[in-house]
Amino acid sequence: MENEAGRCQISELKQVEGEASCSTRKGKLIFFYEWNIKLGWKGIMKESGAKHKGLIEIPNLSEENEVDDTEVNVSKKKGDGDLLKELMRTAGTAQVREALGGYLQALKTEFTVGIILPTKATANQELTIKRKLSENILQIQGSSSVPLGVRIPTVALHVTEMFDTAVEQLYSIFTVKDLVQKFSKSPAILEAEKGGKFQMFDGNITGEYIELLTNKNVMKWRCTSWPEEHYATVALNFVPTPGQTELQLDCKGVPTCKEENMKFCWKQQHFEEIKGLLQLTTLNG
């Protein structure tokens, strides 16, 4: 990118976080994606030869917005260079959006190769293939590609369960060591704070607390039988209802081959055991 003031280029891909999925549902392809992207840029003033650099941030590339409406923020390090920043804000933003459009086109073509649309008999079954962003789609004027590792096909789960107790009591069953050990019938280690680690079911389940609010618990979560260093994101939302609590379980990043095991773990080893503990507590109370 160049104008009378200077020249700029996108120099590197600094960060890519998120995921994309392509699903078949009732014979139709459905695309979902959500990305947080950071790029580095650099430029030089023609008259003075001064060099400047900064960041381009795309905080939410998702299917909710058209590419031309996607937020692109340009910043620079301290000092002069506002003319270069403006060049990046205009011409640079246009180039970034063009590259993002290329990625979305690839998502709808290359990324769907091998997906078999369901027949009428299986039209209600959903097939989901998770894909990491192909970084070479974002290679613009010298940005480098960074390998993202082995892809693991994953699925997302959503389960809702009702419990005959208040939000506070149900929440404590997931965050208080003694109560966890009671419903799991096994030793547990809990550091119930943001960034704290946990181990349950004799160490077969491990993870880390990402967010702990009064009505929400978000965790990095894995079973020892999963691929090494692979974690799902598990969110527990506690919704008060008259005389009960609705627990909404959302799991993202569950290995496809472990989907049924995950369902059994939560429905039988968590929910049913917790209900038994609540009944026992009520009888003893």
Protein backbone atom coordinates (compact mmCIF):
# COMPACT_ATOMS: atom_id res chain seq x y z
CA MET A 1 0.00 0.00 0.00
CA GLU A 2 1.40 3.36 -0.99
CA ASN A 3 0.44 7.01 -1.33
CA GLU A 4 2.28 10.33 -1.54
CA ALA A 5 3.17 10.20 2.16
CA GLY A 6 4.67 6.75 2.44
CA ARG A 7 4.45 2.98 2.03
CA CYS A 8 2.94 0.35 4.36
CA GLN A 9 2.61 -3.37 4.46
CA ILE A 10 1.17 -6.04 6.74
CA SER A 11 4.25 -7.65 8.19
CA GLU A 12 3.11 -10.58 10.32
CA LEU A 13 0.25 -12.63 11.68
CA LYS A 14 0.53 -12.27 15.45
CA GLN A 15 -2.50 -14.12 16.78
CA VAL A 16 -5.41 -16.26 15.64
CA GLU A 17 -7.94 -17.47 18.21
CA GLY A 18 -11.29 -19.18 17.64
CA GLU A 19 -12.74 -21.85 15.43
CA ALA A 20 -14.93 -22.53 12.43
CA SER A 21 -17.35 -25.34 11.71
CA CYS A 22 -19.20 -26.66 8.73
CA SER A 23 -22.31 -28.71 9.50
CA THR A 24 -24.90 -30.57 7.50
CA ARG A 25 -28.43 -30.33 8.81
CA LYS A 26 -31.51 -31.55 6.97
CA GLY A 27 -29.56 -31.76 3.74
CA LYS A 28 -28.13 -28.23 3.92
CA LEU A 29 -24.63 -26.96 4.67
CA ILE A 30 -24.44 -24.51 7.56
CA PHE A 31 -21.32 -22.51 8.37
CA PHE A 32 -20.32 -21.07 11.74
CA TYR A 33 -17.11 -19.22 12.53
CA GLU A 34 -15.80 -16.87 15.19
CA TRP A 35 -12.24 -15.51 15.12
CA ASN A 36 -10.11 -12.97 16.95
CA ILE A 37 -7.17 -11.97 14.74
CA LYS A 38 -4.17 -9.69 15.30
CA LEU A 39 -1.80 -8.58 12.53
CA GLY A 40 1.34 -6.49 12.62
CA TRP A 41 1.99 -3.70 10.14
CA LYS A 42 4.99 -1.51 9.32
CA GLY A 43 5.62 1.48 7.09
CA ILE A 44 8.10 4.15 6.05
CA MET A 45 7.63 7.87 5.38
CA LYS A 46 8.87 8.87 1.91
CA GLU A 47 10.20 12.30 2.84
CA SER A 48 11.95 11.60 6.15
CA GLY A 49 12.57 7.87 5.85
CA ALA A 50 11.11 7.42 9.36
CA LYS A 51 9.81 3.93 10.07
CA HIS A 52 6.68 3.14 12.06
CA LYS A 53 4.74 0.04 12.99
CA GLY A 54 1.57 -0.97 14.76
CA LEU A 55 -1.30 -3.44 15.03
CA ILE A 56 -4.43 -4.39 13.11
CA GLU A 57 -7.06 -6.13 15.21
CA ILE A 58 -10.14 -7.98 14.00
CA PRO A 59 -11.93 -8.72 17.30
CA ASN A 60 -14.95 -10.59 15.95
CA LEU A 61 -14.95 -12.16 12.52
CA SER A 62 -18.17 -14.18 12.56
CA GLU A 63 -21.09 -15.24 10.42
CA GLU A 64 -23.21 -12.61 12.19
CA ASN A 65 -21.66 -9.82 10.11
CA GLU A 66 -20.89 -9.28 6.44
CA VAL A 67 -17.18 -8.99 5.63
CA ASP A 68 -17.57 -5.32 4.68
CA ASP A 69 -19.10 -4.66 8.11
CA THR A 70 -16.45 -6.56 10.08
CA GLU A 71 -14.72 -4.37 12.66
CA VAL A 72 -11.06 -3.68 11.82
CA ASN A 73 -9.08 -1.55 14.28
CA VAL A 74 -5.74 0.02 13.34
CA SER A 75 -3.30 1.35 15.92
CA LYS A 76 0.36 2.41 15.98
CA LYS A 77 3.10 2.69 18.53
CA LYS A 78 3.84 6.04 20.17
CA GLY A 79 5.35 8.82 18.10
CA ASP A 80 4.64 10.36 14.72
CA GLY A 81 3.26 8.37 11.84
CA ASP A 82 -0.40 9.35 11.76
CA LEU A 83 -0.27 9.58 7.96
CA LEU A 84 0.87 5.96 7.76
CA LYS A 85 -1.79 4.91 10.25
CA GLU A 86 -4.43 6.57 8.09
CA LEU A 87 -3.11 4.73 5.04
CA MET A 88 -3.46 1.45 6.93
CA ARG A 89 -6.91 2.43 8.19
CA THR A 90 -8.18 2.98 4.64
CA ALA A 91 -6.22 0.94 2.09
CA GLY A 92 -5.03 -1.57 4.70
CA THR A 93 -8.52 -2.25 5.99
CA ALA A 94 -9.77 -2.81 2.45
CA GLN A 95 -6.97 -5.31 1.82
CA VAL A 96 -7.64 -7.16 5.07
CA ARG A 97 -11.34 -7.45 4.27
CA GLU A 98 -10.49 -8.75 0.81
CA ALA A 99 -8.34 -11.47 2.40
CA LEU A 100 -11.08 -12.32 4.89
CA GLY A 101 -13.50 -12.67 2.00
CA GLY A 102 -11.06 -15.14 0.44
CA TYR A 103 -11.03 -17.14 3.68
CA LEU A 104 -14.82 -17.33 3.76
CA GLN A 105 -14.86 -18.50 0.16
CA ALA A 106 -12.35 -21.21 1.08
CA LEU A 107 -14.50 -22.21 4.03
CA LYS A 108 -17.43 -22.81 1.70
CA THR A 109 -15.42 -24.74 -0.91
CA GLU A 110 -12.11 -26.34 0.13
CA PHE A 111 -13.17 -26.90 3.75
CA THR A 112 -16.32 -28.81 2.78
CA VAL A 113 -14.55 -31.37 0.61
CA GLY A 114 -15.42 -34.83 1.90
CA ILE A 115 -18.61 -33.85 3.68
CA ILE A 116 -21.42 -36.15 2.57
CA LEU A 117 -24.86 -34.61 2.67
CA PRO A 118 -27.29 -36.79 4.63
CA THR A 119 -29.96 -38.84 2.95
CA LYS A 120 -33.62 -38.43 3.81
CA ALA A 121 -33.32 -41.22 6.38
CA THR A 122 -30.58 -39.38 8.24
CA ALA A 123 -31.70 -35.83 7.56
CA ASN A 124 -32.11 -35.05 11.23
CA GLN A 125 -28.60 -36.10 12.14
CA GLU A 126 -25.99 -33.37 12.32
CA LEU A 127 -22.43 -33.81 11.15
CA THR A 128 -19.97 -31.22 12.35
CA ILE A 129 -16.37 -30.81 11.31
CA LYS A 130 -14.31 -28.26 13.20
CA ARG A 131 -11.56 -26.52 11.29
CA LYS A 132 -8.69 -24.34 12.38
CA LEU A 133 -8.28 -21.18 10.35
CA SER A 134 -6.02 -21.76 7.37
CA GLU A 135 -3.45 -19.11 8.06
CA ASN A 136 -2.22 -18.90 4.49
CA ILE A 137 -5.54 -17.23 3.62
CA LEU A 138 -4.24 -14.26 5.62
CA GLN A 139 -0.77 -14.11 4.06
CA ILE A 140 -0.69 -10.53 2.85
CA GLN A 141 2.56 -8.92 1.67
CA GLY A 142 5.08 -10.85 3.70
CA SER A 143 3.05 -12.25 6.60
CA SER A 144 4.27 -15.70 7.57
CA SER A 145 2.36 -18.93 8.06
CA VAL A 146 2.55 -20.64 11.46
CA PRO A 147 1.57 -24.33 11.76
CA LEU A 148 -1.38 -24.87 14.08
CA GLY A 149 -0.79 -28.58 14.79
CA VAL A 150 -2.94 -31.64 14.21
CA ARG A 151 -6.64 -31.09 13.64
CA ILE A 152 -8.96 -33.00 15.95
CA PRO A 153 -12.58 -33.35 14.75
CA THR A 154 -14.81 -32.03 17.52
CA VAL A 155 -18.47 -31.53 18.35
CA ALA A 156 -20.46 -29.22 20.58
CA LEU A 157 -22.98 -30.41 23.16
CA HIS A 158 -25.88 -28.63 24.84
CA VAL A 159 -27.77 -30.26 27.72
CA THR A 160 -30.38 -28.77 30.06
CA GLU A 161 -31.27 -30.35 33.40
CA MET A 162 -33.58 -29.34 36.25
CA PHE A 163 -32.58 -29.64 39.92
CA ASP A 164 -34.81 -29.29 42.99
CA THR A 165 -32.59 -26.81 44.78
CA ALA A 166 -31.55 -23.17 44.79
CA VAL A 167 -28.86 -21.75 42.52
CA GLU A 168 -26.45 -21.16 45.41
CA GLN A 169 -26.59 -24.77 46.63
CA LEU A 170 -26.24 -26.28 43.15
CA TYR A 171 -23.36 -23.93 42.34
CA SER A 172 -21.53 -24.97 45.53
CA ILE A 173 -21.77 -28.66 44.58
CA PHE A 174 -19.52 -27.90 41.61
CA THR A 175 -17.03 -25.69 43.46
CA VAL A 176 -16.72 -27.00 47.05
CA LYS A 177 -14.26 -29.87 47.44
CA ASP A 178 -16.22 -31.86 50.04
CA LEU A 179 -19.41 -31.72 47.96
CA VAL A 180 -17.59 -32.70 44.77
CA GLN A 181 -16.09 -35.69 46.56
CA LYS A 182 -19.53 -36.70 47.85
CA PHE A 183 -21.29 -36.80 44.49
CA SER A 184 -18.28 -38.21 42.61
CA LYS A 185 -17.53 -40.74 45.38
CA SER A 186 -13.81 -40.19 44.78
CA PRO A 187 -10.96 -37.85 45.82
CA ALA A 188 -10.87 -34.38 44.26
CA ILE A 189 -8.57 -31.37 44.18
CA LEU A 190 -10.16 -27.95 43.63
CA GLU A 191 -8.79 -24.42 43.46
CA ALA A 192 -12.13 -22.67 42.91
CA GLU A 193 -10.83 -19.35 41.56
CA LYS A 194 -10.07 -17.90 38.15
CA GLY A 195 -7.02 -19.73 36.80
CA GLY A 196 -7.29 -22.39 39.51
CA LYS A 197 -6.79 -26.07 38.65
CA PHE A 198 -9.04 -29.01 39.45
CA GLN A 199 -8.92 -32.81 39.42
CA MET A 200 -11.93 -35.08 39.84
CA PHE A 201 -12.81 -38.78 39.69
CA ASP A 202 -9.38 -39.93 40.87
CA GLY A 203 -7.63 -37.60 38.40
CA ASN A 204 -9.51 -38.90 35.35
CA ILE A 205 -10.96 -35.42 34.80
CA THR A 206 -8.71 -32.35 35.00
CA GLY A 207 -8.89 -28.74 34.01
CA GLU A 208 -8.80 -25.09 34.90
CA TYR A 209 -11.40 -22.51 35.93
CA ILE A 210 -11.68 -19.77 33.30
CA GLU A 211 -14.57 -17.82 34.81
CA LEU A 212 -16.41 -18.07 38.12
CA LEU A 213 -19.50 -15.89 38.54
CA THR A 214 -22.46 -16.25 40.88
CA ASN A 215 -24.52 -17.93 38.17
CA LYS A 216 -21.89 -19.17 35.72
CA ASN A 217 -18.88 -21.49 35.77
CA VAL A 218 -16.61 -21.77 32.70
CA MET A 219 -13.80 -24.32 32.61
CA LYS A 220 -11.09 -25.83 30.46
CA TRP A 221 -12.02 -29.50 30.80
CA ARG A 222 -10.50 -32.78 29.68
CA CYS A 223 -10.61 -36.50 30.33
CA THR A 224 -7.33 -38.43 30.53
CA SER A 225 -8.45 -40.65 27.61
CA TRP A 226 -8.57 -37.65 25.25
CA PRO A 227 -5.74 -36.70 22.87
CA GLU A 228 -2.84 -35.21 24.82
CA GLU A 229 -3.20 -31.51 25.74
CA HIS A 230 -6.65 -31.28 24.15
CA TYR A 231 -9.26 -29.45 26.25
CA ALA A 232 -12.93 -28.71 25.76
CA THR A 233 -14.57 -25.53 26.99
CA VAL A 234 -17.36 -26.35 29.42
CA ALA A 235 -19.81 -23.65 30.55
CA LEU A 236 -22.35 -24.19 33.33
CA ASN A 237 -25.13 -21.60 33.49
CA PHE A 238 -27.35 -21.66 36.59
CA VAL A 239 -30.82 -20.24 35.89
CA PRO A 240 -33.21 -19.77 38.85
CA THR A 241 -36.80 -20.94 38.39
CA PRO A 242 -39.64 -21.23 40.95
CA GLY A 243 -38.52 -23.90 43.43
CA GLN A 244 -35.82 -25.23 41.11
CA THR A 245 -32.64 -24.40 39.21
CA GLU A 246 -32.21 -24.97 35.50
CA LEU A 247 -28.65 -25.99 34.69
CA GLN A 248 -27.57 -25.28 31.12
CA LEU A 249 -24.47 -27.22 30.07
CA ASP A 250 -22.58 -26.09 26.95
CA CYS A 251 -19.50 -27.98 25.81
CA LYS A 252 -17.36 -26.94 22.86
CA GLY A 253 -14.37 -28.81 21.46
CA VAL A 254 -15.36 -32.34 22.52
CA PRO A 255 -13.48 -34.93 20.39
CA THR A 256 -16.02 -36.49 18.04
CA CYS A 257 -15.02 -40.00 19.05
CA LYS A 258 -15.72 -39.14 22.73
CA GLU A 259 -19.16 -37.57 22.26
CA GLU A 260 -21.15 -40.44 23.79
CA ASN A 261 -18.68 -40.80 26.66
CA MET A 262 -19.05 -37.08 27.38
CA LYS A 263 -22.84 -37.35 27.46
CA PHE A 264 -22.67 -40.31 29.84
CA CYS A 265 -20.15 -38.55 32.08
CA TRP A 266 -22.35 -35.51 32.58
CA LYS A 267 -25.81 -37.10 32.60
CA GLN A 268 -25.00 -40.14 34.72
CA GLN A 269 -21.82 -39.42 36.69
CA HIS A 270 -22.66 -35.77 37.36
CA PHE A 271 -26.37 -34.99 37.14
CA GLU A 272 -27.83 -38.24 38.46
CA GLU A 273 -25.29 -38.45 41.29
CA ILE A 274 -25.91 -34.81 42.24
CA LYS A 275 -29.66 -35.44 42.36
CA GLY A 276 -29.02 -38.38 44.65
CA LEU A 277 -26.86 -36.19 46.90
CA LEU A 278 -29.58 -33.52 47.02
CA GLN A 279 -32.21 -36.09 47.98
CA LEU A 280 -29.96 -37.44 50.73
CA THR A 281 -29.30 -33.93 52.00
CA THR A 282 -33.05 -33.22 52.09
CA LEU A 283 -33.76 -36.42 54.02
CA ASN A 284 -31.00 -35.77 56.53
CA GLY A 285 -32.08 -32.16 56.87
